[in-house]
Amino acid sequence: MSIQERVQAGVEWLNEQDDDIHIMSPWYDRIDLERLEIRSECNCVLGILARDIVNDPEANFFDICSRYGETLLSPESAVALGFDLELYVSSRNGQWDALEAEWRRVIEGLREGNV
């Protein structure tokens, strides 16, 4: 799957999570783009949203993957949904940049009503 397809799948998953946790503002409005750093466990998309998703004020990306395993989001699912990269990707650094750029593009588009 391309990065764009994986991010789109992640958007759909986040939309479902928003429906389940009944937060007043949409998930993309809760992402601080100045803080967003896709490589960071605390400042990636899930790291920023983790507190809402798992209802834990100290939660981060790894809490979602490891604490909840297959129930909420497995590491494999995190890759498929555009939240992480596979462990053994040859050009991983360039892919991190492309993944973050796509999340930024999509979030900005959602905020403007264009995606």
N, C-alpha and C. Protein backbone atom coordinates (compact mmCIF):
# COMPACT_ATOMS: atom_id res chain seq x y z
N MET A 1 0.84 -1.19 0.00
CA MET A 1 0.00 0.00 0.00
C MET A 1 0.88 1.25 0.00
N SER A 2 0.43 2.26 -0.69
CA SER A 2 1.17 3.52 -0.71
C SER A 2 0.98 4.26 0.62
N ILE A 3 1.82 5.24 0.84
CA ILE A 3 1.69 6.06 2.04
C ILE A 3 0.33 6.75 2.05
N GLN A 4 -0.13 7.25 0.92
CA GLN A 4 -1.42 7.92 0.84
C GLN A 4 -2.56 6.97 1.21
N GLU A 5 -2.50 5.74 0.73
CA GLU A 5 -3.55 4.76 1.05
C GLU A 5 -3.52 4.39 2.52
N ARG A 6 -2.33 4.26 3.08
CA ARG A 6 -2.22 3.91 4.49
C ARG A 6 -2.73 5.05 5.37
N VAL A 7 -2.38 6.28 5.04
CA VAL A 7 -2.87 7.43 5.82
C VAL A 7 -4.39 7.53 5.70
N GLN A 8 -4.93 7.30 4.52
CA GLN A 8 -6.39 7.34 4.36
C GLN A 8 -7.06 6.28 5.24
N ALA A 9 -6.45 5.09 5.31
CA ALA A 9 -6.98 4.04 6.19
C ALA A 9 -6.89 4.49 7.65
N GLY A 10 -5.80 5.18 8.02
CA GLY A 10 -5.66 5.72 9.37
C GLY A 10 -6.71 6.77 9.68
N VAL A 11 -7.01 7.61 8.71
CA VAL A 11 -8.06 8.62 8.88
C VAL A 11 -9.40 7.95 9.16
N GLU A 12 -9.70 6.92 8.41
CA GLU A 12 -10.97 6.20 8.61
C GLU A 12 -11.02 5.56 9.99
N TRP A 13 -9.89 4.98 10.43
CA TRP A 13 -9.83 4.37 11.76
C TRP A 13 -10.03 5.43 12.84
N LEU A 14 -9.37 6.58 12.69
CA LEU A 14 -9.53 7.65 13.67
C LEU A 14 -10.96 8.18 13.70
N ASN A 15 -11.59 8.27 12.55
CA ASN A 15 -12.99 8.70 12.51
C ASN A 15 -13.86 7.73 13.31
N GLU A 16 -13.60 6.43 13.19
CA GLU A 16 -14.34 5.43 13.96
C GLU A 16 -14.08 5.59 15.45
N GLN A 17 -12.82 5.84 15.82
CA GLN A 17 -12.50 6.03 17.23
C GLN A 17 -13.22 7.26 17.78
N ASP A 18 -13.25 8.33 17.01
CA ASP A 18 -13.97 9.53 17.45
C ASP A 18 -15.44 9.22 17.70
N ASP A 19 -16.03 8.42 16.82
CA ASP A 19 -17.43 8.05 17.01
C ASP A 19 -17.61 7.26 18.30
N ASP A 20 -16.63 6.40 18.63
CA ASP A 20 -16.74 5.56 19.81
C ASP A 20 -16.50 6.31 21.11
N ILE A 21 -15.62 7.32 21.11
CA ILE A 21 -15.30 7.98 22.38
C ILE A 21 -16.05 9.29 22.57
N HIS A 22 -16.80 9.70 21.58
CA HIS A 22 -17.69 10.86 21.69
C HIS A 22 -17.00 12.13 22.20
N ILE A 23 -15.89 12.45 21.58
CA ILE A 23 -15.19 13.70 21.88
C ILE A 23 -15.87 14.81 21.08
N MET A 24 -15.97 15.98 21.66
CA MET A 24 -16.69 17.07 21.01
C MET A 24 -16.02 17.54 19.71
N SER A 25 -14.73 17.74 19.70
CA SER A 25 -14.08 18.22 18.48
C SER A 25 -13.51 17.03 17.71
N PRO A 26 -13.48 17.11 16.37
CA PRO A 26 -12.92 16.01 15.59
C PRO A 26 -11.43 15.81 15.89
N TRP A 27 -10.97 14.59 15.70
CA TRP A 27 -9.58 14.25 16.02
C TRP A 27 -8.59 15.19 15.34
N TYR A 28 -8.84 15.57 14.09
CA TYR A 28 -7.88 16.39 13.35
C TYR A 28 -7.77 17.80 13.90
N ASP A 29 -8.78 18.25 14.63
CA ASP A 29 -8.69 19.56 15.28
C ASP A 29 -7.88 19.48 16.57
N ARG A 30 -7.66 18.29 17.08
CA ARG A 30 -6.90 18.11 18.32
C ARG A 30 -5.42 17.87 18.06
N ILE A 31 -5.01 17.80 16.80
CA ILE A 31 -3.60 17.61 16.45
C ILE A 31 -2.93 18.97 16.37
N ASP A 32 -1.92 19.17 17.19
CA ASP A 32 -1.13 20.39 17.15
C ASP A 32 -0.05 20.19 16.09
N LEU A 33 -0.23 20.81 14.91
CA LEU A 33 0.71 20.61 13.81
C LEU A 33 2.11 21.13 14.12
N GLU A 34 2.23 22.08 15.03
CA GLU A 34 3.56 22.55 15.43
C GLU A 34 4.28 21.49 16.25
N ARG A 35 3.53 20.66 16.92
CA ARG A 35 4.09 19.61 17.76
C ARG A 35 4.25 18.29 17.01
N LEU A 36 3.52 18.11 15.92
CA LEU A 36 3.50 16.84 15.20
C LEU A 36 4.89 16.45 14.71
N GLU A 37 5.32 15.28 15.14
CA GLU A 37 6.58 14.70 14.69
C GLU A 37 6.34 13.19 14.60
N ILE A 38 6.13 12.71 13.40
CA ILE A 38 5.66 11.35 13.18
C ILE A 38 6.60 10.29 13.76
N ARG A 39 7.89 10.61 13.92
CA ARG A 39 8.86 9.65 14.49
C ARG A 39 8.75 9.53 16.01
N SER A 40 8.09 10.47 16.65
CA SER A 40 8.04 10.54 18.11
C SER A 40 6.87 9.75 18.67
N GLU A 41 7.12 8.97 19.72
CA GLU A 41 6.03 8.22 20.33
C GLU A 41 5.02 9.13 21.04
N CYS A 42 5.43 10.30 21.43
CA CYS A 42 4.52 11.21 22.12
C CYS A 42 3.93 12.28 21.20
N ASN A 43 4.63 12.61 20.13
CA ASN A 43 4.19 13.70 19.25
C ASN A 43 3.75 13.24 17.87
N CYS A 44 3.59 11.93 17.69
CA CYS A 44 3.02 11.44 16.44
C CYS A 44 1.49 11.60 16.52
N VAL A 45 0.80 11.27 15.48
CA VAL A 45 -0.66 11.42 15.46
C VAL A 45 -1.28 10.68 16.65
N LEU A 46 -0.92 9.41 16.82
CA LEU A 46 -1.51 8.65 17.92
C LEU A 46 -1.00 9.10 19.27
N GLY A 47 0.25 9.51 19.35
CA GLY A 47 0.79 9.99 20.61
C GLY A 47 0.03 11.21 21.10
N ILE A 48 -0.29 12.11 20.19
CA ILE A 48 -1.04 13.31 20.56
C ILE A 48 -2.47 12.95 20.97
N LEU A 49 -3.06 11.98 20.28
CA LEU A 49 -4.46 11.62 20.54
C LEU A 49 -4.62 10.53 21.60
N ALA A 50 -3.52 9.91 22.03
CA ALA A 50 -3.59 8.73 22.90
C ALA A 50 -4.41 8.96 24.16
N ARG A 51 -4.28 10.09 24.75
CA ARG A 51 -5.00 10.35 26.01
C ARG A 51 -6.50 10.23 25.81
N ASP A 52 -7.00 10.70 24.68
CA ASP A 52 -8.43 10.58 24.40
C ASP A 52 -8.81 9.14 24.06
N ILE A 53 -7.98 8.49 23.23
CA ILE A 53 -8.33 7.17 22.71
C ILE A 53 -8.37 6.12 23.82
N VAL A 54 -7.37 6.11 24.71
CA VAL A 54 -7.33 5.09 25.75
C VAL A 54 -7.75 5.61 27.12
N ASN A 55 -8.18 6.85 27.18
CA ASN A 55 -8.65 7.46 28.41
C ASN A 55 -7.61 7.35 29.53
N ASP A 56 -6.38 7.73 29.18
CA ASP A 56 -5.26 7.67 30.13
C ASP A 56 -4.42 8.93 29.92
N PRO A 57 -4.31 9.80 30.92
CA PRO A 57 -3.59 11.06 30.73
C PRO A 57 -2.09 10.90 30.46
N GLU A 58 -1.53 9.73 30.70
CA GLU A 58 -0.11 9.49 30.46
C GLU A 58 0.16 8.65 29.22
N ALA A 59 -0.85 8.32 28.46
CA ALA A 59 -0.71 7.39 27.33
C ALA A 59 0.09 7.99 26.18
N ASN A 60 0.73 7.09 25.39
CA ASN A 60 1.42 7.50 24.17
C ASN A 60 1.23 6.40 23.12
N PHE A 61 1.89 6.53 21.98
CA PHE A 61 1.76 5.58 20.88
C PHE A 61 1.99 4.14 21.33
N PHE A 62 3.04 3.89 22.10
CA PHE A 62 3.36 2.52 22.50
C PHE A 62 2.31 1.94 23.44
N ASP A 63 1.67 2.77 24.22
CA ASP A 63 0.59 2.28 25.08
C ASP A 63 -0.56 1.74 24.23
N ILE A 64 -0.85 2.43 23.15
CA ILE A 64 -1.94 1.97 22.29
C ILE A 64 -1.58 0.64 21.66
N CYS A 65 -0.36 0.49 21.19
CA CYS A 65 0.07 -0.76 20.54
C CYS A 65 0.29 -1.89 21.53
N SER A 66 1.04 -1.65 22.61
CA SER A 66 1.43 -2.75 23.48
C SER A 66 0.42 -3.06 24.57
N ARG A 67 -0.21 -2.07 25.14
CA ARG A 67 -1.15 -2.33 26.22
C ARG A 67 -2.41 -2.99 25.71
N TYR A 68 -2.84 -2.61 24.54
CA TYR A 68 -4.11 -3.10 24.02
C TYR A 68 -3.95 -4.14 22.92
N GLY A 69 -2.73 -4.37 22.46
CA GLY A 69 -2.48 -5.42 21.48
C GLY A 69 -3.47 -5.41 20.33
N GLU A 70 -3.93 -6.57 19.96
CA GLU A 70 -4.85 -6.72 18.84
C GLU A 70 -6.22 -6.08 19.13
N THR A 71 -6.55 -5.89 20.39
CA THR A 71 -7.86 -5.37 20.73
C THR A 71 -8.09 -3.98 20.16
N LEU A 72 -7.11 -3.11 20.27
CA LEU A 72 -7.27 -1.76 19.75
C LEU A 72 -6.41 -1.54 18.52
N LEU A 73 -5.13 -1.75 18.63
CA LEU A 73 -4.24 -1.49 17.50
C LEU A 73 -2.94 -2.26 17.66
N SER A 74 -2.72 -3.23 16.80
CA SER A 74 -1.48 -4.00 16.83
C SER A 74 -0.39 -3.21 16.12
N PRO A 75 0.88 -3.55 16.35
CA PRO A 75 1.97 -2.88 15.62
C PRO A 75 1.81 -3.01 14.11
N GLU A 76 1.34 -4.18 13.65
CA GLU A 76 1.12 -4.37 12.21
C GLU A 76 0.02 -3.44 11.70
N SER A 77 -1.01 -3.27 12.50
CA SER A 77 -2.08 -2.36 12.12
C SER A 77 -1.60 -0.92 12.10
N ALA A 78 -0.70 -0.58 13.03
CA ALA A 78 -0.17 0.78 13.06
C ALA A 78 0.54 1.10 11.74
N VAL A 79 1.24 0.12 11.18
CA VAL A 79 1.91 0.30 9.89
C VAL A 79 0.86 0.43 8.79
N ALA A 80 -0.11 -0.49 8.78
CA ALA A 80 -1.14 -0.50 7.73
C ALA A 80 -1.99 0.77 7.75
N LEU A 81 -2.11 1.41 8.91
CA LEU A 81 -2.93 2.61 9.04
C LEU A 81 -2.11 3.90 8.95
N GLY A 82 -0.84 3.78 8.58
CA GLY A 82 -0.03 4.96 8.35
C GLY A 82 0.47 5.66 9.60
N PHE A 83 0.45 4.97 10.74
CA PHE A 83 0.94 5.57 11.98
C PHE A 83 2.39 5.23 12.26
N ASP A 84 2.94 4.24 11.55
CA ASP A 84 4.30 3.78 11.79
C ASP A 84 4.84 3.20 10.49
N LEU A 85 6.15 2.91 10.47
CA LEU A 85 6.79 2.27 9.33
C LEU A 85 7.19 0.86 9.70
N GLU A 86 7.32 0.01 8.70
CA GLU A 86 7.81 -1.35 8.94
C GLU A 86 9.24 -1.27 9.46
N LEU A 87 9.63 -2.26 10.25
CA LEU A 87 10.95 -2.24 10.87
C LEU A 87 12.09 -2.28 9.87
N TYR A 88 11.96 -3.02 8.81
CA TYR A 88 13.10 -3.24 7.91
C TYR A 88 12.86 -2.62 6.55
N VAL A 89 12.58 -1.34 6.52
CA VAL A 89 12.42 -0.60 5.27
C VAL A 89 13.77 0.02 4.93
N SER A 90 14.25 -0.18 3.71
CA SER A 90 15.60 0.27 3.36
C SER A 90 15.76 1.78 3.41
N SER A 91 14.80 2.53 2.91
CA SER A 91 14.93 4.00 2.90
C SER A 91 13.99 4.61 3.94
N ARG A 92 14.08 4.11 5.15
CA ARG A 92 13.16 4.48 6.21
C ARG A 92 13.14 5.98 6.49
N ASN A 93 14.29 6.64 6.50
CA ASN A 93 14.31 8.07 6.83
C ASN A 93 13.49 8.88 5.85
N GLY A 94 13.65 8.64 4.57
CA GLY A 94 12.85 9.35 3.58
C GLY A 94 11.38 9.04 3.71
N GLN A 95 11.06 7.81 4.11
CA GLN A 95 9.66 7.44 4.28
C GLN A 95 9.04 8.15 5.49
N TRP A 96 9.82 8.34 6.54
CA TRP A 96 9.30 9.09 7.70
C TRP A 96 8.86 10.49 7.25
N ASP A 97 9.72 11.13 6.47
CA ASP A 97 9.40 12.49 6.00
C ASP A 97 8.15 12.48 5.13
N ALA A 98 8.05 11.50 4.24
CA ALA A 98 6.88 11.40 3.36
C ALA A 98 5.62 11.10 4.16
N LEU A 99 5.73 10.24 5.17
CA LEU A 99 4.58 9.90 6.00
C LEU A 99 4.10 11.13 6.78
N GLU A 100 5.03 11.86 7.37
CA GLU A 100 4.65 13.05 8.11
C GLU A 100 4.04 14.11 7.19
N ALA A 101 4.61 14.28 6.02
CA ALA A 101 4.08 15.26 5.06
C ALA A 101 2.65 14.90 4.65
N GLU A 102 2.40 13.62 4.47
CA GLU A 102 1.04 13.20 4.08
C GLU A 102 0.04 13.43 5.21
N TRP A 103 0.42 13.12 6.44
CA TRP A 103 -0.47 13.40 7.58
C TRP A 103 -0.75 14.90 7.68
N ARG A 104 0.27 15.72 7.52
CA ARG A 104 0.06 17.17 7.58
C ARG A 104 -0.88 17.64 6.47
N ARG A 105 -0.68 17.13 5.26
CA ARG A 105 -1.52 17.51 4.12
C ARG A 105 -2.98 17.12 4.39
N VAL A 106 -3.18 15.91 4.88
CA VAL A 106 -4.53 15.43 5.12
C VAL A 106 -5.20 16.20 6.27
N ILE A 107 -4.47 16.41 7.36
CA ILE A 107 -5.05 17.15 8.48
C ILE A 107 -5.43 18.56 8.08
N GLU A 108 -4.53 19.23 7.38
CA GLU A 108 -4.84 20.60 6.91
C GLU A 108 -6.05 20.59 5.97
N GLY A 109 -6.12 19.58 5.09
CA GLY A 109 -7.26 19.48 4.18
C GLY A 109 -8.57 19.23 4.93
N LEU A 110 -8.53 18.37 5.94
CA LEU A 110 -9.74 18.10 6.73
C LEU A 110 -10.20 19.37 7.45
N ARG A 111 -9.27 20.12 7.97
CA ARG A 111 -9.62 21.36 8.67
C ARG A 111 -10.25 22.37 7.72
N GLU A 112 -9.80 22.35 6.47
CA GLU A 112 -10.33 23.29 5.48
C GLU A 112 -11.54 22.72 4.73
N GLY A 113 -11.89 21.47 5.03
CA GLY A 113 -13.03 20.82 4.37
C GLY A 113 -12.72 20.36 2.96
N ASN A 114 -11.44 20.13 2.65
CA ASN A 114 -11.04 19.77 1.29
C ASN A 114 -10.72 18.29 1.11
N VAL A 115 -10.75 17.49 2.15
CA VAL A 115 -10.39 16.08 2.02
C VAL A 115 -11.59 15.23 2.36
